[in-house]
Amino acid sequence: MGAFDTLLWILAVVLVVAGVVSLVRRQILWGIVLIVVGLLVGPGGVSIFT
């Protein structure tokens, strides 16, 4: 696991957490967008960089 993978993992976690916080604050659309982008960026999911 390289440094780039670690960076993507951290970015994905931050995006998903921000999405969940947005959902709790009733910003539904923004929360869904952040969660989807977090799942697309993360190296464990479907990464858009590979």
Protein backbone atom coordinates (compact mmCIF):
# COMPACT_ATOMS: atom_id res chain seq x y z
CA MET A 1 0.00 0.00 0.00
CA GLY A 2 1.65 3.19 -1.18
CA ALA A 3 1.45 6.74 0.02
CA PHE A 4 -1.07 7.62 -2.71
CA ASP A 5 -3.40 4.82 -1.58
CA THR A 6 -3.18 6.05 2.00
CA LEU A 7 -3.97 9.60 0.91
CA LEU A 8 -7.01 8.40 -1.08
CA TRP A 9 -8.20 6.34 1.88
CA ILE A 10 -8.00 9.32 4.22
CA LEU A 11 -9.74 11.57 1.69
CA ALA A 12 -12.51 9.01 1.22
CA VAL A 13 -13.07 8.71 4.97
CA VAL A 14 -13.22 12.49 5.38
CA LEU A 15 -15.73 12.80 2.53
CA VAL A 16 -17.98 10.05 3.86
CA VAL A 17 -17.91 11.47 7.40
CA ALA A 18 -18.72 14.93 6.04
CA GLY A 19 -21.59 13.39 4.08
CA VAL A 20 -23.01 11.72 7.17
CA VAL A 21 -22.74 14.98 9.12
CA SER A 22 -24.56 16.75 6.27
CA LEU A 23 -27.33 14.16 6.39
CA VAL A 24 -27.70 14.67 10.14
CA ARG A 25 -27.95 18.43 9.54
CA ARG A 26 -30.78 17.73 7.02
CA GLN A 27 -28.76 18.70 3.96
CA ILE A 28 -29.83 15.54 2.15
CA LEU A 29 -28.59 16.21 -1.38
CA TRP A 30 -25.18 17.51 -0.28
CA GLY A 31 -24.76 14.56 2.10
CA ILE A 32 -25.56 12.02 -0.61
CA VAL A 33 -23.16 13.70 -3.04
CA LEU A 34 -20.32 13.66 -0.50
CA ILE A 35 -20.90 10.00 0.38
CA VAL A 36 -20.98 8.93 -3.28
CA VAL A 37 -17.82 10.90 -4.09
CA GLY A 38 -16.13 9.41 -1.03
CA LEU A 39 -17.00 5.91 -2.19
CA LEU A 40 -15.73 6.64 -5.71
CA VAL A 41 -12.42 8.09 -4.49
CA GLY A 42 -11.60 5.43 -1.92
CA PRO A 43 -9.11 2.75 -2.92
CA GLY A 44 -11.28 0.07 -1.29
CA GLY A 45 -14.21 0.90 -3.57
CA VAL A 46 -14.43 1.89 -7.20
CA SER A 47 -11.56 4.32 -7.47
CA ILE A 48 -11.81 6.90 -10.24
CA PHE A 49 -8.02 7.16 -10.30
CA THR A 50 -7.35 3.57 -11.43
